[in-house]
Amino acid sequence: MDGTHDERPLRGLNFAFSGGTAGIGLAAATALARRGAALLLLGRDRDRGDRAVAAVREAGAAEAVFCAADLTTMAGVGRAIEAIGAGARRCTGWCTPR
């Protein structure tokens, strides 16, 4: 093996994070950002979302977008689906931290 799993570059891969604006979700998103992934951060709080986008961009994300969506509602789920589709690219992974 050429390197560990943690060293593999993620440029060109896209990940969505519900709860990605704080705590474990933001930590996981930041780890993928350092490896060059493109990120969609989902959450309810626009200010926290904007701060999280700035943090993952600074960490090296190829792209970072926030979508204000409460995933406990059908309207919020619809917004998340639209945000994923708006990028017109394949979603490589979805993370919902608990």
PDB file of N, CA and C in Angstrom:
ATOM      1  N   MET A   1       0.847  -1.173   0.000  1.00  0.00           N
ATOM      2  CA  MET A   1       0.000   0.000   0.000  1.00  0.00           C
ATOM      3  C   MET A   1       0.893   1.237   0.000  1.00  0.00           C
ATOM      4  N   ASP A   2       0.558   2.218  -0.851  1.00  0.00           N
ATOM      5  CA  ASP A   2       1.374   3.426  -0.985  1.00  0.00           C
ATOM      6  C   ASP A   2       1.227   4.385   0.193  1.00  0.00           C
ATOM      7  N   GLY A   3       0.102   4.397   0.842  1.00  0.00           N
ATOM      8  CA  GLY A   3      -0.110   5.320   1.950  1.00  0.00           C
ATOM      9  C   GLY A   3      -1.291   4.866   2.772  1.00  0.00           C
ATOM     10  N   THR A   4      -1.507   5.547   3.861  1.00  0.00           N
ATOM     11  CA  THR A   4      -2.650   5.187   4.683  1.00  0.00           C
ATOM     12  C   THR A   4      -3.910   5.783   4.091  1.00  0.00           C
ATOM     13  N   HIS A   5      -5.018   5.282   4.547  1.00  0.00           N
ATOM     14  CA  HIS A   5      -6.315   5.777   4.095  1.00  0.00           C
ATOM     15  C   HIS A   5      -6.416   7.291   4.308  1.00  0.00           C
ATOM     16  N   ASP A   6      -5.889   7.789   5.402  1.00  0.00           N
ATOM     17  CA  ASP A   6      -5.978   9.211   5.733  1.00  0.00           C
ATOM     18  C   ASP A   6      -5.179  10.104   4.800  1.00  0.00           C
ATOM     19  N   GLU A   7      -4.271   9.556   4.035  1.00  0.00           N
ATOM     20  CA  GLU A   7      -3.433  10.363   3.146  1.00  0.00           C
ATOM     21  C   GLU A   7      -4.001  10.474   1.739  1.00  0.00           C
ATOM     22  N   ARG A   8      -4.965   9.659   1.410  1.00  0.00           N
ATOM     23  CA  ARG A   8      -5.498   9.636   0.053  1.00  0.00           C
ATOM     24  C   ARG A   8      -6.169  10.971  -0.292  1.00  0.00           C
ATOM     25  N   PRO A   9      -5.804  11.610  -1.408  1.00  0.00           N
ATOM     26  CA  PRO A   9      -6.441  12.877  -1.784  1.00  0.00           C
ATOM     27  C   PRO A   9      -7.904  12.659  -2.173  1.00  0.00           C
ATOM     28  N   LEU A  10      -8.719  13.658  -1.891  1.00  0.00           N
ATOM     29  CA  LEU A  10     -10.152  13.568  -2.179  1.00  0.00           C
ATOM     30  C   LEU A  10     -10.606  14.609  -3.197  1.00  0.00           C
ATOM     31  N   ARG A  11      -9.673  15.259  -3.868  1.00  0.00           N
ATOM     32  CA  ARG A  11     -10.035  16.255  -4.875  1.00  0.00           C
ATOM     33  C   ARG A  11     -10.906  15.588  -5.936  1.00  0.00           C
ATOM     34  N   GLY A  12     -11.994  16.246  -6.308  1.00  0.00           N
ATOM     35  CA  GLY A  12     -12.925  15.702  -7.287  1.00  0.00           C
ATOM     36  C   GLY A  12     -14.045  14.879  -6.665  1.00  0.00           C
ATOM     37  N   LEU A  13     -13.994  14.692  -5.340  1.00  0.00           N
ATOM     38  CA  LEU A  13     -15.047  13.949  -4.650  1.00  0.00           C
ATOM     39  C   LEU A  13     -15.884  14.913  -3.822  1.00  0.00           C
ATOM     40  N   ASN A  14     -17.176  14.614  -3.708  1.00  0.00           N
ATOM     41  CA  ASN A  14     -18.145  15.517  -3.088  1.00  0.00           C
ATOM     42  C   ASN A  14     -18.826  14.838  -1.907  1.00  0.00           C
ATOM     43  N   PHE A  15     -18.918  15.560  -0.795  1.00  0.00           N
ATOM     44  CA  PHE A  15     -19.508  15.013   0.422  1.00  0.00           C
ATOM     45  C   PHE A  15     -20.519  15.997   0.997  1.00  0.00           C
ATOM     46  N   ALA A  16     -21.635  15.476   1.514  1.00  0.00           N
ATOM     47  CA  ALA A  16     -22.653  16.283   2.185  1.00  0.00           C
ATOM     48  C   ALA A  16     -22.631  15.942   3.673  1.00  0.00           C
ATOM     49  N   PHE A  17     -22.752  16.961   4.509  1.00  0.00           N
ATOM     50  CA  PHE A  17     -22.731  16.785   5.961  1.00  0.00           C
ATOM     51  C   PHE A  17     -23.957  17.435   6.577  1.00  0.00           C
ATOM     52  N   SER A  18     -24.865  16.632   7.130  1.00  0.00           N
ATOM     53  CA  SER A  18     -25.915  17.215   7.954  1.00  0.00           C
ATOM     54  C   SER A  18     -25.297  17.433   9.331  1.00  0.00           C
ATOM     55  N   GLY A  19     -25.600  18.552   9.947  1.00  0.00           N
ATOM     56  CA  GLY A  19     -24.945  18.880  11.210  1.00  0.00           C
ATOM     57  C   GLY A  19     -23.474  19.214  11.017  1.00  0.00           C
ATOM     58  N   GLY A  20     -23.133  19.699   9.840  1.00  0.00           N
ATOM     59  CA  GLY A  20     -21.737  19.962   9.521  1.00  0.00           C
ATOM     60  C   GLY A  20     -21.246  21.336   9.912  1.00  0.00           C
ATOM     61  N   THR A  21     -22.020  22.057  10.721  1.00  0.00           N
ATOM     62  CA  THR A  21     -21.626  23.422  11.071  1.00  0.00           C
ATOM     63  C   THR A  21     -20.978  23.534  12.443  1.00  0.00           C
ATOM     64  N   ALA A  22     -20.916  22.438  13.190  1.00  0.00           N
ATOM     65  CA  ALA A  22     -20.328  22.480  14.536  1.00  0.00           C
ATOM     66  C   ALA A  22     -19.979  21.062  14.992  1.00  0.00           C
ATOM     67  N   GLY A  23     -19.214  20.990  16.046  1.00  0.00           N
ATOM     68  CA  GLY A  23     -18.932  19.715  16.695  1.00  0.00           C
ATOM     69  C   GLY A  23     -18.278  18.680  15.793  1.00  0.00           C
ATOM     70  N   ILE A  24     -18.700  17.438  15.981  1.00  0.00           N
ATOM     71  CA  ILE A  24     -18.119  16.312  15.240  1.00  0.00           C
ATOM     72  C   ILE A  24     -18.346  16.457  13.740  1.00  0.00           C
ATOM     73  N   GLY A  25     -19.508  16.974  13.326  1.00  0.00           N
ATOM     74  CA  GLY A  25     -19.772  17.152  11.894  1.00  0.00           C
ATOM     75  C   GLY A  25     -18.781  18.107  11.251  1.00  0.00           C
ATOM     76  N   LEU A  26     -18.518  19.224  11.919  1.00  0.00           N
ATOM     77  CA  LEU A  26     -17.555  20.195  11.389  1.00  0.00           C
ATOM     78  C   LEU A  26     -16.141  19.621  11.426  1.00  0.00           C
ATOM     79  N   ALA A  27     -15.811  18.877  12.468  1.00  0.00           N
ATOM     80  CA  ALA A  27     -14.478  18.266  12.547  1.00  0.00           C
ATOM     81  C   ALA A  27     -14.272  17.274  11.403  1.00  0.00           C
ATOM     82  N   ALA A  28     -15.284  16.466  11.112  1.00  0.00           N
ATOM     83  CA  ALA A  28     -15.180  15.500  10.012  1.00  0.00           C
ATOM     84  C   ALA A  28     -15.085  16.220   8.671  1.00  0.00           C
ATOM     85  N   ALA A  29     -15.899  17.265   8.490  1.00  0.00           N
ATOM     86  CA  ALA A  29     -15.854  18.034   7.243  1.00  0.00           C
ATOM     87  C   ALA A  29     -14.483  18.688   7.062  1.00  0.00           C
ATOM     88  N   THR A  30     -13.918  19.203   8.138  1.00  0.00           N
ATOM     89  CA  THR A  30     -12.602  19.838   8.074  1.00  0.00           C
ATOM     90  C   THR A  30     -11.525  18.824   7.698  1.00  0.00           C
ATOM     91  N   ALA A  31     -11.636  17.612   8.233  1.00  0.00           N
ATOM     92  CA  ALA A  31     -10.661  16.562   7.892  1.00  0.00           C
ATOM     93  C   ALA A  31     -10.711  16.243   6.400  1.00  0.00           C
ATOM     94  N   LEU A  32     -11.908  16.185   5.821  1.00  0.00           N
ATOM     95  CA  LEU A  32     -12.023  15.929   4.380  1.00  0.00           C
ATOM     96  C   LEU A  32     -11.580  17.146   3.574  1.00  0.00           C
ATOM     97  N   ALA A  33     -11.832  18.340   4.098  1.00  0.00           N
ATOM     98  CA  ALA A  33     -11.391  19.564   3.418  1.00  0.00           C
ATOM     99  C   ALA A  33      -9.876  19.590   3.281  1.00  0.00           C
ATOM    100  N   ARG A  34      -9.174  19.151   4.309  1.00  0.00           N
ATOM    101  CA  ARG A  34      -7.702  19.126   4.261  1.00  0.00           C
ATOM    102  C   ARG A  34      -7.192  18.232   3.137  1.00  0.00           C
ATOM    103  N   ARG A  35      -8.025  17.292   2.718  1.00  0.00           N
ATOM    104  CA  ARG A  35      -7.638  16.372   1.649  1.00  0.00           C
ATOM    105  C   ARG A  35      -8.220  16.805   0.300  1.00  0.00           C
ATOM    106  N   GLY A  36      -8.824  18.015   0.254  1.00  0.00           N
ATOM    107  CA  GLY A  36      -9.246  18.598  -1.010  1.00  0.00           C
ATOM    108  C   GLY A  36     -10.648  18.277  -1.470  1.00  0.00           C
ATOM    109  N   ALA A  37     -11.482  17.712  -0.606  1.00  0.00           N
ATOM    110  CA  ALA A  37     -12.851  17.368  -0.993  1.00  0.00           C
ATOM    111  C   ALA A  37     -13.699  18.626  -1.190  1.00  0.00           C
ATOM    112  N   ALA A  38     -14.773  18.485  -1.961  1.00  0.00           N
ATOM    113  CA  ALA A  38     -15.798  19.524  -2.085  1.00  0.00           C
ATOM    114  C   ALA A  38     -16.897  19.178  -1.081  1.00  0.00           C
ATOM    115  N   LEU A  39     -17.411  20.192  -0.363  1.00  0.00           N
ATOM    116  CA  LEU A  39     -18.324  19.936   0.745  1.00  0.00           C
ATOM    117  C   LEU A  39     -19.609  20.732   0.641  1.00  0.00           C
ATOM    118  N   LEU A  40     -20.712  20.068   0.979  1.00  0.00           N
ATOM    119  CA  LEU A  40     -21.998  20.718   1.176  1.00  0.00           C
ATOM    120  C   LEU A  40     -22.326  20.557   2.650  1.00  0.00           C
ATOM    121  N   LEU A  41     -22.401  21.673   3.368  1.00  0.00           N
ATOM    122  CA  LEU A  41     -22.710  21.650   4.794  1.00  0.00           C
ATOM    123  C   LEU A  41     -24.171  22.020   4.980  1.00  0.00           C
ATOM    124  N   LEU A  42     -24.901  21.179   5.683  1.00  0.00           N
ATOM    125  CA  LEU A  42     -26.324  21.390   5.927  1.00  0.00           C
ATOM    126  C   LEU A  42     -26.540  21.687   7.404  1.00  0.00           C
ATOM    127  N   GLY A  43     -27.394  22.663   7.687  1.00  0.00           N
ATOM    128  CA  GLY A  43     -27.697  22.995   9.073  1.00  0.00           C
ATOM    129  C   GLY A  43     -28.820  24.007   9.131  1.00  0.00           C
ATOM    130  N   ARG A  44     -29.230  24.343  10.341  1.00  0.00           N
ATOM    131  CA  ARG A  44     -30.358  25.262  10.506  1.00  0.00           C
ATOM    132  C   ARG A  44     -29.937  26.713  10.680  1.00  0.00           C
ATOM    133  N   ASP A  45     -28.705  26.953  11.108  1.00  0.00           N
ATOM    134  CA  ASP A  45     -28.268  28.298  11.486  1.00  0.00           C
ATOM    135  C   ASP A  45     -27.345  28.898  10.422  1.00  0.00           C
ATOM    136  N   ARG A  46     -27.821  29.921   9.738  1.00  0.00           N
ATOM    137  CA  ARG A  46     -27.071  30.547   8.643  1.00  0.00           C
ATOM    138  C   ARG A  46     -25.725  31.106   9.117  1.00  0.00           C
ATOM    139  N   ASP A  47     -25.693  31.785  10.260  1.00  0.00           N
ATOM    140  CA  ASP A  47     -24.429  32.361  10.745  1.00  0.00           C
ATOM    141  C   ASP A  47     -23.396  31.272  11.029  1.00  0.00           C
ATOM    142  N   ARG A  48     -23.827  30.220  11.707  1.00  0.00           N
ATOM    143  CA  ARG A  48     -22.901  29.102  11.964  1.00  0.00           C
ATOM    144  C   ARG A  48     -22.468  28.453  10.661  1.00  0.00           C
ATOM    145  N   GLY A  49     -23.397  28.357   9.713  1.00  0.00           N
ATOM    146  CA  GLY A  49     -23.067  27.785   8.406  1.00  0.00           C
ATOM    147  C   GLY A  49     -22.021  28.603   7.676  1.00  0.00           C
ATOM    148  N   ASP A  50     -22.167  29.915   7.711  1.00  0.00           N
ATOM    149  CA  ASP A  50     -21.186  30.786   7.047  1.00  0.00           C
ATOM    150  C   ASP A  50     -19.806  30.658   7.689  1.00  0.00           C
ATOM    151  N   ARG A  51     -19.774  30.573   9.023  1.00  0.00           N
ATOM    152  CA  ARG A  51     -18.485  30.398   9.716  1.00  0.00           C
ATOM    153  C   ARG A  51     -17.867  29.040   9.384  1.00  0.00           C
ATOM    154  N   ALA A  52     -18.695  28.007   9.306  1.00  0.00           N
ATOM    155  CA  ALA A  52     -18.192  26.664   8.982  1.00  0.00           C
ATOM    156  C   ALA A  52     -17.639  26.617   7.564  1.00  0.00           C
ATOM    157  N   VAL A  53     -18.330  27.255   6.619  1.00  0.00           N
ATOM    158  CA  VAL A  53     -17.843  27.303   5.233  1.00  0.00           C
ATOM    159  C   VAL A  53     -16.478  27.985   5.185  1.00  0.00           C
ATOM    160  N   ALA A  54     -16.335  29.094   5.899  1.00  0.00           N
ATOM    161  CA  ALA A  54     -15.042  29.792   5.926  1.00  0.00           C
ATOM    162  C   ALA A  54     -13.954  28.886   6.505  1.00  0.00           C
ATOM    163  N   ALA A  55     -14.281  28.132   7.546  1.00  0.00           N
ATOM    164  CA  ALA A  55     -13.291  27.254   8.189  1.00  0.00           C
ATOM    165  C   ALA A  55     -12.849  26.127   7.264  1.00  0.00           C
ATOM    166  N   VAL A  56     -13.792  25.487   6.562  1.00  0.00           N
ATOM    167  CA  VAL A  56     -13.391  24.368   5.696  1.00  0.00           C
ATOM    168  C   VAL A  56     -12.686  24.870   4.439  1.00  0.00           C
ATOM    169  N   ARG A  57     -13.046  26.062   3.980  1.00  0.00           N
ATOM    170  CA  ARG A  57     -12.302  26.641   2.852  1.00  0.00           C
ATOM    171  C   ARG A  57     -10.855  26.912   3.257  1.00  0.00           C
ATOM    172  N   GLU A  58     -10.685  27.467   4.448  1.00  0.00           N
ATOM    173  CA  GLU A  58      -9.333  27.740   4.941  1.00  0.00           C
ATOM    174  C   GLU A  58      -8.534  26.442   5.105  1.00  0.00           C
ATOM    175  N   ALA A  59      -9.228  25.351   5.433  1.00  0.00           N
ATOM    176  CA  ALA A  59      -8.560  24.054   5.608  1.00  0.00           C
ATOM    177  C   ALA A  59      -8.180  23.413   4.277  1.00  0.00           C
ATOM    178  N   GLY A  60      -8.740  23.934   3.159  1.00  0.00           N
ATOM    179  CA  GLY A  60      -8.344  23.411   1.853  1.00  0.00           C
ATOM    180  C   GLY A  60      -9.436  22.789   1.017  1.00  0.00           C
ATOM    181  N   ALA A  61     -10.703  22.959   1.397  1.00  0.00           N
ATOM    182  CA  ALA A  61     -11.796  22.387   0.607  1.00  0.00           C
ATOM    183  C   ALA A  61     -11.750  22.914  -0.823  1.00  0.00           C
ATOM    184  N   ALA A  62     -11.947  22.020  -1.789  1.00  0.00           N
ATOM    185  CA  ALA A  62     -11.989  22.430  -3.191  1.00  0.00           C
ATOM    186  C   ALA A  62     -13.170  23.368  -3.420  1.00  0.00           C
ATOM    187  N   GLU A  63     -14.257  23.123  -2.701  1.00  0.00           N
ATOM    188  CA  GLU A  63     -15.458  23.945  -2.766  1.00  0.00           C
ATOM    189  C   GLU A  63     -16.199  23.725  -1.457  1.00  0.00           C
ATOM    190  N   ALA A  64     -16.889  24.744  -0.974  1.00  0.00           N
ATOM    191  CA  ALA A  64     -17.685  24.610   0.245  1.00  0.00           C
ATOM    192  C   ALA A  64     -18.931  25.465   0.103  1.00  0.00           C
ATOM    193  N   VAL A  65     -20.082  24.854   0.364  1.00  0.00           N
ATOM    194  CA  VAL A  65     -21.368  25.528   0.240  1.00  0.00           C
ATOM    195  C   VAL A  65     -22.192  25.192   1.476  1.00  0.00           C
ATOM    196  N   PHE A  66     -22.961  26.172   1.965  1.00  0.00           N
ATOM    197  CA  PHE A  66     -23.885  25.935   3.072  1.00  0.00           C
ATOM    198  C   PHE A  66     -25.304  25.964   2.546  1.00  0.00           C
ATOM    199  N   CYS A  67     -26.125  25.050   3.032  1.00  0.00           N
ATOM    200  CA  CYS A  67     -27.551  25.038   2.727  1.00  0.00           C
ATOM    201  C   CYS A  67     -28.304  25.053   4.049  1.00  0.00           C
ATOM    202  N   ALA A  68     -29.118  26.106   4.266  1.00  0.00           N
ATOM    203  CA  ALA A  68     -29.940  26.181   5.470  1.00  0.00           C
ATOM    204  C   ALA A  68     -31.110  25.216   5.304  1.00  0.00           C
ATOM    205  N   ALA A  69     -31.094  24.133   6.077  1.00  0.00           N
ATOM    206  CA  ALA A  69     -32.129  23.112   5.952  1.00  0.00           C
ATOM    207  C   ALA A  69     -32.311  22.394   7.282  1.00  0.00           C
ATOM    208  N   ASP A  70     -33.548  22.334   7.743  1.00  0.00           N
ATOM    209  CA  ASP A  70     -33.895  21.564   8.937  1.00  0.00           C
ATOM    210  C   ASP A  70     -34.348  20.192   8.453  1.00  0.00           C
ATOM    211  N   LEU A  71     -33.507  19.196   8.631  1.00  0.00           N
ATOM    212  CA  LEU A  71     -33.789  17.872   8.079  1.00  0.00           C
ATOM    213  C   LEU A  71     -34.827  17.095   8.869  1.00  0.00           C
ATOM    214  N   THR A  72     -35.434  17.725   9.885  1.00  0.00           N
ATOM    215  CA  THR A  72     -36.549  17.087  10.578  1.00  0.00           C
ATOM    216  C   THR A  72     -37.873  17.431   9.905  1.00  0.00           C
ATOM    217  N   THR A  73     -37.819  18.245   8.843  1.00  0.00           N
ATOM    218  CA  THR A  73     -39.027  18.613   8.102  1.00  0.00           C
ATOM    219  C   THR A  73     -38.889  18.195   6.640  1.00  0.00           C
ATOM    220  N   MET A  74     -40.013  17.919   6.006  1.00  0.00           N
ATOM    221  CA  MET A  74     -39.983  17.554   4.586  1.00  0.00           C
ATOM    222  C   MET A  74     -39.478  18.719   3.737  1.00  0.00           C
ATOM    223  N   ALA A  75     -39.830  19.950   4.112  1.00  0.00           N
ATOM    224  CA  ALA A  75     -39.346  21.113   3.360  1.00  0.00           C
ATOM    225  C   ALA A  75     -37.823  21.194   3.438  1.00  0.00           C
ATOM    226  N   GLY A  76     -37.271  20.938   4.619  1.00  0.00           N
ATOM    227  CA  GLY A  76     -35.822  20.963   4.784  1.00  0.00           C
ATOM    228  C   GLY A  76     -35.138  19.865   3.991  1.00  0.00           C
ATOM    229  N   VAL A  77     -35.733  18.684   3.985  1.00  0.00           N
ATOM    230  CA  VAL A  77     -35.184  17.577   3.192  1.00  0.00           C
ATOM    231  C   VAL A  77     -35.210  17.951   1.713  1.00  0.00           C
ATOM    232  N   GLY A  78     -36.291  18.585   1.278  1.00  0.00           N
ATOM    233  CA  GLY A  78     -36.385  19.032  -0.115  1.00  0.00           C
ATOM    234  C   GLY A  78     -35.293  20.029  -0.470  1.00  0.00           C
ATOM    235  N   ARG A  79     -35.017  20.980   0.448  1.00  0.00           N
ATOM    236  CA  ARG A  79     -33.946  21.954   0.203  1.00  0.00           C
ATOM    237  C   ARG A  79     -32.589  21.260   0.097  1.00  0.00           C
ATOM    238  N   ALA A  80     -32.362  20.269   0.950  1.00  0.00           N
ATOM    239  CA  ALA A  80     -31.091  19.538   0.904  1.00  0.00           C
ATOM    240  C   ALA A  80     -30.942  18.803  -0.426  1.00  0.00           C
ATOM    241  N   ILE A  81     -32.002  18.159  -0.873  1.00  0.00           N
ATOM    242  CA  ILE A  81     -31.963  17.440  -2.155  1.00  0.00           C
ATOM    243  C   ILE A  81     -31.700  18.410  -3.297  1.00  0.00           C
ATOM    244  N   GLU A  82     -32.355  19.566  -3.268  1.00  0.00           N
ATOM    245  CA  GLU A  82     -32.122  20.581  -4.304  1.00  0.00           C
ATOM    246  C   GLU A  82     -30.672  21.060  -4.287  1.00  0.00           C
ATOM    247  N   ALA A  83     -30.112  21.255  -3.094  1.00  0.00           N
ATOM    248  CA  ALA A  83     -28.728  21.729  -2.985  1.00  0.00           C
ATOM    249  C   ALA A  83     -27.753  20.700  -3.547  1.00  0.00           C
ATOM    250  N   ILE A  84     -28.010  19.433  -3.281  1.00  0.00           N
ATOM    251  CA  ILE A  84     -27.149  18.382  -3.830  1.00  0.00           C
ATOM    252  C   ILE A  84     -27.280  18.363  -5.348  1.00  0.00           C
ATOM    253  N   GLY A  85     -28.500  18.452  -5.848  1.00  0.00           N
ATOM    254  CA  GLY A  85     -28.738  18.445  -7.293  1.00  0.00           C
ATOM    255  C   GLY A  85     -28.219  19.684  -7.990  1.00  0.00           C
ATOM    256  N   ALA A  86     -28.170  20.821  -7.282  1.00  0.00           N
ATOM    257  CA  ALA A  86     -27.717  22.073  -7.896  1.00  0.00           C
ATOM    258  C   ALA A  86     -26.264  21.984  -8.337  1.00  0.00           C
ATOM    259  N   GLY A  87     -25.485  21.177  -7.655  1.00  0.00           N
ATOM    260  CA  GLY A  87     -24.087  21.000  -8.034  1.00  0.00           C
ATOM    261  C   GLY A  87     -23.931  20.127  -9.261  1.00  0.00           C
ATOM    262  N   ALA A  88     -25.007  19.446  -9.655  1.00  0.00           N
ATOM    263  CA  ALA A  88     -24.999  18.565 -10.831  1.00  0.00           C
ATOM    264  C   ALA A  88     -23.785  17.644 -10.833  1.00  0.00           C
ATOM    265  N   ARG A  89     -23.497  17.118  -9.669  1.00  0.00           N
ATOM    266  CA  ARG A  89     -22.370  16.188  -9.571  1.00  0.00           C
ATOM    267  C   ARG A  89     -22.742  15.069  -8.610  1.00  0.00           C
ATOM    268  N   ARG A  90     -22.000  14.024  -8.684  1.00  0.00           N
ATOM    269  CA  ARG A  90     -22.248  12.854  -7.855  1.00  0.00           C
ATOM    270  C   ARG A  90     -21.864  13.139  -6.402  1.00  0.00           C
ATOM    271  N   CYS A  91     -22.721  12.740  -5.482  1.00  0.00           N
ATOM    272  CA  CYS A  91     -22.429  12.857  -4.052  1.00  0.00           C
ATOM    273  C   CYS A  91     -21.712  11.574  -3.627  1.00  0.00           C
ATOM    274  N   THR A  92     -20.445  11.688  -3.295  1.00  0.00           N
ATOM    275  CA  THR A  92     -19.621  10.535  -2.931  1.00  0.00           C
ATOM    276  C   THR A  92     -19.992   9.987  -1.565  1.00  0.00           C
ATOM    277  N   GLY A  93     -20.347  10.874  -0.633  1.00  0.00           N
ATOM    278  CA  GLY A  93     -20.663  10.413   0.718  1.00  0.00           C
ATOM    279  C   GLY A  93     -21.547  11.384   1.462  1.00  0.00           C
ATOM    280  N   TRP A  94     -22.260  10.849   2.444  1.00  0.00           N
ATOM    281  CA  TRP A  94     -23.154  11.630   3.291  1.00  0.00           C
ATOM    282  C   TRP A  94     -22.791  11.316   4.727  1.00  0.00           C
ATOM    283  N   CYS A  95     -22.673  12.325   5.569  1.00  0.00           N
ATOM    284  CA  CYS A  95     -22.332  12.113   6.971  1.00  0.00           C
ATOM    285  C   CYS A  95     -23.384  12.772   7.851  1.00  0.00           C
ATOM    286  N   THR A  96     -23.944  11.988   8.765  1.00  0.00           N
ATOM    287  CA  THR A  96     -24.864  12.500   9.768  1.00  0.00           C
ATOM    288  C   THR A  96     -24.317  12.103  11.131  1.00  0.00           C
ATOM    289  N   PRO A  97     -23.536  12.976  11.764  1.00  0.00           N
ATOM    290  CA  PRO A  97     -22.932  12.620  13.052  1.00  0.00           C
ATOM    291  C   PRO A  97     -23.980  12.462  14.146  1.00  0.00           C
ATOM    292  N   ARG A  98     -23.717  11.579  15.064  1.00  0.00           N
ATOM    293  CA  ARG A  98     -24.599  11.367  16.222  1.00  0.00           C
ATOM    294  C   ARG A  98     -23.806  11.482  17.484  1.00  0.00           C
TER     295      ARG A  98
END
